C-alpha atoms as a PDB file:
ATOM      1  CA  UNK A   1     260.912 234.798 214.124  1.00  0.00           C
ATOM      2  CA  UNK A   2     258.722 236.210 216.855  1.00  0.00           C
ATOM      3  CA  UNK A   3     255.755 234.318 215.538  1.00  0.00           C
ATOM      4  CA  UNK A   4     257.766 231.228 215.706  1.00  0.00           C
ATOM      5  CA  UNK A   5     258.730 231.715 219.360  1.00  0.00           C
ATOM      6  CA  UNK A   6     254.956 232.464 220.305  1.00  0.00           C
ATOM      7  CA  UNK A   7     253.778 229.398 218.836  1.00  0.00           C
ATOM      8  CA  UNK A   8     256.846 227.312 220.674  1.00  0.00           C
ATOM      9  CA  UNK A   9     255.976 228.960 223.885  1.00  0.00           C
ATOM     10  CA  UNK A  10     252.028 228.079 223.518  1.00  0.00           C
ATOM     11  CA  UNK A  11     252.844 224.666 222.103  1.00  0.00           C
ATOM     12  CA  UNK A  12     255.153 223.611 225.228  1.00  0.00           C
ATOM     13  CA  UNK A  13     253.094 225.602 227.879  1.00  0.00           C
ATOM     14  CA  UNK A  14     250.122 223.431 226.649  1.00  0.00           C
ATOM     15  CA  UNK A  15     251.857 220.577 228.391  1.00  0.00           C
ATOM     16  CA  UNK A  16     251.107 222.046 231.725  1.00  0.00           C
ATOM     17  CA  UNK A  17     247.560 221.702 231.366  1.00  0.00           C
ATOM     18  CA  UNK A  18     247.659 217.799 230.347  1.00  0.00           C
ATOM     19  CA  UNK A  19     245.886 215.140 232.378  1.00  0.00           C
ATOM     20  CA  UNK A  20     247.273 211.675 233.247  1.00  0.00           C
ATOM     21  CA  UNK A  21     246.348 210.237 229.862  1.00  0.00           C
ATOM     22  CA  UNK A  22     248.293 213.012 227.602  1.00  0.00           C
ATOM     23  CA  UNK A  23     251.192 211.878 225.655  1.00  0.00           C
ATOM     24  CA  UNK A  24     254.501 213.890 224.934  1.00  0.00           C
ATOM     25  CA  UNK A  25     256.638 212.819 222.289  1.00  0.00           C
ATOM     26  CA  UNK A  26     259.201 213.418 219.473  1.00  0.00           C
ATOM     27  CA  UNK A  27     258.746 212.353 215.775  1.00  0.00           C
ATOM     28  CA  UNK A  28     260.798 211.862 212.602  1.00  0.00           C
ATOM     29  CA  UNK A  29     260.209 210.609 209.026  1.00  0.00           C
ATOM     30  CA  UNK A  30     260.817 211.042 205.274  1.00  0.00           C
ATOM     31  CA  UNK A  31     258.384 212.785 202.807  1.00  0.00           C
ATOM     32  CA  UNK A  32     258.000 213.046 199.035  1.00  0.00           C
ATOM     33  CA  UNK A  33     257.298 216.267 197.979  1.00  0.00           C
ATOM     34  CA  UNK A  34     255.987 218.113 194.745  1.00  0.00           C
ATOM     35  CA  UNK A  35     253.933 221.218 193.583  1.00  0.00           C
ATOM     36  CA  UNK A  36     250.584 221.314 192.053  1.00  0.00           C
ATOM     37  CA  UNK A  37     248.402 224.066 190.436  1.00  0.00           C
ATOM     38  CA  UNK A  38     249.807 226.895 188.313  1.00  0.00           C
ATOM     39  CA  UNK A  39     250.863 226.918 184.716  1.00  0.00           C
ATOM     40  CA  UNK A  40     253.931 224.502 184.865  1.00  0.00           C
ATOM     41  CA  UNK A  41     252.562 221.234 186.360  1.00  0.00           C
ATOM     42  CA  UNK A  42     255.055 218.356 185.802  1.00  0.00           C
ATOM     43  CA  UNK A  43     255.841 214.937 187.813  1.00  0.00           C
ATOM     44  CA  UNK A  44     258.883 216.330 189.588  1.00  0.00           C
ATOM     45  CA  UNK A  45     259.168 215.175 192.994  1.00  0.00           C
ATOM     46  CA  UNK A  46     261.830 215.621 195.895  1.00  0.00           C
ATOM     47  CA  UNK A  47     262.838 213.430 198.917  1.00  0.00           C
ATOM     48  CA  UNK A  48     262.718 215.400 202.134  1.00  0.00           C
ATOM     49  CA  UNK A  49     262.413 214.982 205.941  1.00  0.00           C
ATOM     50  CA  UNK A  50     260.285 215.876 209.109  1.00  0.00           C
ATOM     51  CA  UNK A  51     261.706 216.279 212.508  1.00  0.00           C
ATOM     52  CA  UNK A  52     259.798 217.568 215.679  1.00  0.00           C
ATOM     53  CA  UNK A  53     257.902 216.862 218.511  1.00  0.00           C
ATOM     54  CA  UNK A  54     254.083 216.902 219.604  1.00  0.00           C
ATOM     55  CA  UNK A  55     251.628 216.675 222.496  1.00  0.00           C
ATOM     56  CA  UNK A  56     248.482 214.729 222.266  1.00  0.00           C
ATOM     57  CA  UNK A  57     245.483 216.253 224.529  1.00  0.00           C
ATOM     58  CA  UNK A  58     242.590 213.548 225.112  1.00  0.00           C
ATOM     59  CA  UNK A  59     238.901 215.000 224.622  1.00  0.00           C
ATOM     60  CA  UNK A  60     237.208 211.855 225.096  1.00  0.00           C
ATOM     61  CA  UNK A  61     238.096 208.056 225.001  1.00  0.00           C
ATOM     62  CA  UNK A  62     238.040 208.089 221.307  1.00  0.00           C
ATOM     63  CA  UNK A  63     239.030 211.583 220.219  1.00  0.00           C
ATOM     64  CA  UNK A  64     242.163 213.700 220.869  1.00  0.00           C
ATOM     65  CA  UNK A  65     243.782 216.706 219.692  1.00  0.00           C
ATOM     66  CA  UNK A  66     247.334 216.703 218.835  1.00  0.00           C
ATOM     67  CA  UNK A  67     249.290 219.948 218.299  1.00  0.00           C
ATOM     68  CA  UNK A  68     252.908 219.202 216.515  1.00  0.00           C
ATOM     69  CA  UNK A  69     256.009 221.253 215.700  1.00  0.00           C
ATOM     70  CA  UNK A  70     258.219 220.176 212.864  1.00  0.00           C
ATOM     71  CA  UNK A  71     261.453 221.357 210.880  1.00  0.00           C
ATOM     72  CA  UNK A  72     260.860 220.046 207.420  1.00  0.00           C
ATOM     73  CA  UNK A  73     262.006 220.248 204.019  1.00  0.00           C
ATOM     74  CA  UNK A  74     259.770 220.487 200.718  1.00  0.00           C
ATOM     75  CA  UNK A  75     260.060 221.202 197.083  1.00  0.00           C
ATOM     76  CA  UNK A  76     260.605 219.382 193.859  1.00  0.00           C
ATOM     77  CA  UNK A  77     263.296 218.114 191.562  1.00  0.00           C
ATOM     78  CA  UNK A  78     263.253 217.698 187.695  1.00  0.00           C
ATOM     79  CA  UNK A  79     265.671 215.673 185.527  1.00  0.00           C
ATOM     80  CA  UNK A  80     265.798 216.587 181.800  1.00  0.00           C
ATOM     81  CA  UNK A  81     268.040 216.388 178.699  1.00  0.00           C
ATOM     82  CA  UNK A  82     270.014 219.342 177.155  1.00  0.00           C
ATOM     83  CA  UNK A  83     271.429 217.751 173.948  1.00  0.00           C
ATOM     84  CA  UNK A  84     272.930 214.218 175.205  1.00  0.00           C
ATOM     85  CA  UNK A  85     273.552 215.554 178.677  1.00  0.00           C
ATOM     86  CA  UNK A  86     271.253 214.914 181.612  1.00  0.00           C
ATOM     87  CA  UNK A  87     270.658 217.876 184.004  1.00  0.00           C
ATOM     88  CA  UNK A  88     268.740 218.580 187.148  1.00  0.00           C
ATOM     89  CA  UNK A  89     266.661 221.446 188.224  1.00  0.00           C
ATOM     90  CA  UNK A  90     265.687 221.496 191.956  1.00  0.00           C
ATOM     91  CA  UNK A  91     264.147 223.524 194.443  1.00  0.00           C
ATOM     92  CA  UNK A  92     264.191 223.049 198.368  1.00  0.00           C
ATOM     93  CA  UNK A  93     262.376 224.929 200.843  1.00  0.00           C
ATOM     94  CA  UNK A  94     262.736 224.534 204.603  1.00  0.00           C
ATOM     95  CA  UNK A  95     259.587 225.210 206.761  1.00  0.00           C
ATOM     96  CA  UNK A  96     258.947 225.151 210.594  1.00  0.00           C
ATOM     97  CA  UNK A  97     255.703 223.661 210.465  1.00  0.00           C
ATOM     98  CA  UNK A  98     252.817 223.450 213.300  1.00  0.00           C
ATOM     99  CA  UNK A  99     249.924 221.297 212.356  1.00  0.00           C
ATOM    100  CA  UNK A 100     247.028 221.009 214.846  1.00  0.00           C
ATOM    101  CA  UNK A 101     245.361 217.555 214.299  1.00  0.00           C
ATOM    102  CA  UNK A 102     242.094 215.744 215.395  1.00  0.00           C
ATOM    103  CA  UNK A 103     243.092 212.090 216.225  1.00  0.00           C
ATOM    104  CA  UNK A 104     240.201 209.585 215.927  1.00  0.00           C
ATOM    105  CA  UNK A 105     240.730 206.248 217.643  1.00  0.00           C
ATOM    106  CA  UNK A 106     238.820 203.939 215.333  1.00  0.00           C
ATOM    107  CA  UNK A 107     239.995 200.384 216.657  1.00  0.00           C
ATOM    108  CA  UNK A 108     241.661 199.385 219.848  1.00  0.00           C
ATOM    109  CA  UNK A 109     243.240 196.070 220.130  1.00  0.00           C
ATOM    110  CA  UNK A 110     244.926 196.346 223.598  1.00  0.00           C
ATOM    111  CA  UNK A 111     248.718 196.980 222.484  1.00  0.00           C
ATOM    112  CA  UNK A 112     247.569 198.117 219.041  1.00  0.00           C
ATOM    113  CA  UNK A 113     245.579 201.094 218.224  1.00  0.00           C
ATOM    114  CA  UNK A 114     244.490 202.256 214.933  1.00  0.00           C
ATOM    115  CA  UNK A 115     243.684 206.058 214.366  1.00  0.00           C
ATOM    116  CA  UNK A 116     242.614 208.500 211.788  1.00  0.00           C
ATOM    117  CA  UNK A 117     244.334 212.171 211.662  1.00  0.00           C
ATOM    118  CA  UNK A 118     242.837 215.405 209.950  1.00  0.00           C
ATOM    119  CA  UNK A 119     243.591 218.846 210.578  1.00  0.00           C
ATOM    120  CA  UNK A 120     245.062 222.290 209.527  1.00  0.00           C
ATOM    121  CA  UNK A 121     248.598 223.261 209.401  1.00  0.00           C
ATOM    122  CA  UNK A 122     250.440 226.622 209.579  1.00  0.00           C
ATOM    123  CA  UNK A 123     254.200 227.011 208.509  1.00  0.00           C
ATOM    124  CA  UNK A 124     256.922 229.562 208.494  1.00  0.00           C
ATOM    125  CA  UNK A 125     259.680 229.819 205.799  1.00  0.00           C
ATOM    126  CA  UNK A 126     262.888 229.041 207.255  1.00  0.00           C
ATOM    127  CA  UNK A 127     265.142 229.382 204.171  1.00  0.00           C
ATOM    128  CA  UNK A 128     265.389 227.667 200.695  1.00  0.00           C
ATOM    129  CA  UNK A 129     267.683 227.303 197.519  1.00  0.00           C
ATOM    130  CA  UNK A 130     267.060 226.857 194.025  1.00  0.00           C
ATOM    131  CA  UNK A 131     269.599 225.211 191.487  1.00  0.00           C
ATOM    132  CA  UNK A 132     269.041 224.895 187.647  1.00  0.00           C
ATOM    133  CA  UNK A 133     271.381 225.038 184.493  1.00  0.00           C
ATOM    134  CA  UNK A 134     271.167 227.612 181.948  1.00  0.00           C
ATOM    135  CA  UNK A 135     272.051 228.027 178.369  1.00  0.00           C
ATOM    136  CA  UNK A 136     271.876 225.560 175.427  1.00  0.00           C
ATOM    137  CA  UNK A 137     274.108 222.594 174.811  1.00  0.00           C
ATOM    138  CA  UNK A 138     276.625 222.685 176.112  1.00  0.00           C
ATOM    139  CA  UNK A 139     275.355 224.364 179.407  1.00  0.00           C
ATOM    140  CA  UNK A 140     277.205 227.363 180.217  1.00  0.00           C
ATOM    141  CA  UNK A 141     276.487 227.712 184.108  1.00  0.00           C
ATOM    142  CA  UNK A 142     274.697 226.310 187.136  1.00  0.00           C
ATOM    143  CA  UNK A 143     272.572 229.251 188.769  1.00  0.00           C
ATOM    144  CA  UNK A 144     271.917 228.983 192.409  1.00  0.00           C
ATOM    145  CA  UNK A 145     269.234 231.178 193.755  1.00  0.00           C
ATOM    146  CA  UNK A 146     268.654 231.699 197.562  1.00  0.00           C
ATOM    147  CA  UNK A 147     264.812 232.066 198.158  1.00  0.00           C
ATOM    148  CA  UNK A 148     264.679 234.421 200.660  1.00  0.00           C
ATOM    149  CA  UNK A 149     262.157 237.064 199.415  1.00  0.00           C
ATOM    150  CA  UNK A 150     261.201 234.881 196.435  1.00  0.00           C
ATOM    151  CA  UNK A 151     258.910 232.495 198.713  1.00  0.00           C
ATOM    152  CA  UNK A 152     256.053 233.615 200.656  1.00  0.00           C
ATOM    153  CA  UNK A 153     256.927 233.961 204.495  1.00  0.00           C
ATOM    154  CA  UNK A 154     254.013 231.642 205.325  1.00  0.00           C
ATOM    155  CA  UNK A 155     252.130 228.578 204.093  1.00  0.00           C
ATOM    156  CA  UNK A 156     248.897 226.757 205.453  1.00  0.00           C
ATOM    157  CA  UNK A 157     246.879 224.015 204.445  1.00  0.00           C
ATOM    158  CA  UNK A 158     245.442 220.589 205.353  1.00  0.00           C
ATOM    159  CA  UNK A 159     246.706 217.350 206.669  1.00  0.00           C
ATOM    160  CA  UNK A 160     244.977 213.879 206.665  1.00  0.00           C
ATOM    161  CA  UNK A 161     246.388 210.538 207.496  1.00  0.00           C
ATOM    162  CA  UNK A 162     246.244 207.441 209.598  1.00  0.00           C
ATOM    163  CA  UNK A 163     248.219 206.355 212.354  1.00  0.00           C
ATOM    164  CA  UNK A 164     249.110 203.067 214.429  1.00  0.00           C
ATOM    165  CA  UNK A 165     249.874 203.174 218.011  1.00  0.00           C
ATOM    166  CA  UNK A 166     251.947 200.390 219.696  1.00  0.00           C
ATOM    167  CA  UNK A 167     252.074 200.085 223.277  1.00  0.00           C
ATOM    168  CA  UNK A 168     255.626 198.855 224.509  1.00  0.00           C
ATOM    169  CA  UNK A 169     254.588 195.783 226.614  1.00  0.00           C
ATOM    170  CA  UNK A 170     257.607 195.858 229.087  1.00  0.00           C
ATOM    171  CA  UNK A 171     257.383 199.856 229.471  1.00  0.00           C
ATOM    172  CA  UNK A 172     253.593 200.714 229.406  1.00  0.00           C
ATOM    173  CA  UNK A 173     254.120 204.579 229.772  1.00  0.00           C
ATOM    174  CA  UNK A 174     255.847 204.516 226.419  1.00  0.00           C
ATOM    175  CA  UNK A 175     254.108 204.242 222.675  1.00  0.00           C
ATOM    176  CA  UNK A 176     255.519 203.869 219.267  1.00  0.00           C
ATOM    177  CA  UNK A 177     253.741 205.305 216.679  1.00  0.00           C
ATOM    178  CA  UNK A 178     253.819 204.837 212.937  1.00  0.00           C
ATOM    179  CA  UNK A 179     251.885 207.084 210.613  1.00  0.00           C
ATOM    180  CA  UNK A 180     251.291 207.993 206.871  1.00  0.00           C
ATOM    181  CA  UNK A 181     250.195 211.620 205.857  1.00  0.00           C
ATOM    182  CA  UNK A 182     249.285 213.660 203.015  1.00  0.00           C
ATOM    183  CA  UNK A 183     249.460 217.245 203.175  1.00  0.00           C
ATOM    184  CA  UNK A 184     248.040 219.766 200.931  1.00  0.00           C
ATOM    185  CA  UNK A 185     248.916 223.497 200.836  1.00  0.00           C
ATOM    186  CA  UNK A 186     246.423 225.922 200.015  1.00  0.00           C
ATOM    187  CA  UNK A 187     248.860 229.102 199.726  1.00  0.00           C
ATOM    188  CA  UNK A 188     250.694 229.715 196.552  1.00  0.00           C
ATOM    189  CA  UNK A 189     254.384 229.385 197.165  1.00  0.00           C
ATOM    190  CA  UNK A 190     255.363 232.423 195.025  1.00  0.00           C
ATOM    191  CA  UNK A 191     253.303 234.644 192.912  1.00  0.00           C
ATOM    192  CA  UNK A 192     256.059 237.344 191.755  1.00  0.00           C
ATOM    193  CA  UNK A 193     255.883 237.323 188.142  1.00  0.00           C
ATOM    194  CA  UNK A 194     259.192 238.855 187.593  1.00  0.00           C
ATOM    195  CA  UNK A 195     261.464 235.926 189.184  1.00  0.00           C
ATOM    196  CA  UNK A 196     261.438 232.163 188.968  1.00  0.00           C
ATOM    197  CA  UNK A 197     258.324 231.760 186.617  1.00  0.00           C
ATOM    198  CA  UNK A 198     258.172 228.050 187.178  1.00  0.00           C
ATOM    199  CA  UNK A 199     257.065 228.714 190.955  1.00  0.00           C
ATOM    200  CA  UNK A 200     253.943 231.035 189.897  1.00  0.00           C
ATOM    201  CA  UNK A 201     250.722 230.116 191.795  1.00  0.00           C
ATOM    202  CA  UNK A 202     252.269 226.424 192.621  1.00  0.00           C
ATOM    203  CA  UNK A 203     251.352 225.027 196.072  1.00  0.00           C
ATOM    204  CA  UNK A 204     252.891 222.433 198.054  1.00  0.00           C
ATOM    205  CA  UNK A 205     252.007 218.869 198.430  1.00  0.00           C
ATOM    206  CA  UNK A 206     253.599 216.152 200.429  1.00  0.00           C
ATOM    207  CA  UNK A 207     253.346 212.562 201.343  1.00  0.00           C
ATOM    208  CA  UNK A 208     255.124 211.528 204.279  1.00  0.00           C
ATOM    209  CA  UNK A 209     255.916 208.400 206.683  1.00  0.00           C
ATOM    210  CA  UNK A 210     256.631 209.113 210.276  1.00  0.00           C
ATOM    211  CA  UNK A 211     257.690 207.300 213.356  1.00  0.00           C
ATOM    212  CA  UNK A 212     257.368 208.606 216.791  1.00  0.00           C
ATOM    213  CA  UNK A 213     257.842 207.783 220.376  1.00  0.00           C
ATOM    214  CA  UNK A 214     255.766 209.078 223.148  1.00  0.00           C
ATOM    215  CA  UNK A 215     255.653 209.087 226.696  1.00  0.00           C
ATOM    216  CA  UNK A 216     252.215 209.046 228.840  1.00  0.00           C
ATOM    217  CA  UNK A 217     252.221 211.686 231.625  1.00  0.00           C
END
């Protein structure tokens, strides 16, 4: 928790150093997440969310740095049959995620600005739960695992994406942004071999669509 507070402090203190073209905003969106790597690859996905805030710090007319802070959910969900009954196995992990993105403006059409995004992220485990049925047909019970202590306390990786900024004509200090991103984790979610074997060496990956509202300061 101390690490989170330090990052939050640095994140918002940076606003004090911004120039007149900088942006401060909020952003929210949905994601589709899954895992990759390890020995138990499958096509399971899970719908999740992002909610948080960001600042954008101009470096040149075309390049800026954009630190962000989000609360997000990731994981995956699988549906399968036992006998003639359909069951669901799911895992949901919550993170406090801190991307630091480089934003490159590739086209400026006045009220429409097209950008590319890329940069690393670092995130902290904030809780999680896994549910799956056990037993043969009929299933005898549904096991629920809290993931505290079974999932790594931190994750890191890389984010790439594209962003459209729309200048609100009647309020030129406000900008609406829409972006699509792909995030690839580089740190295994879980490596302990005595529990939750389906998570061994698995890494996070997400595809998301986000909408933001920013103010020029």
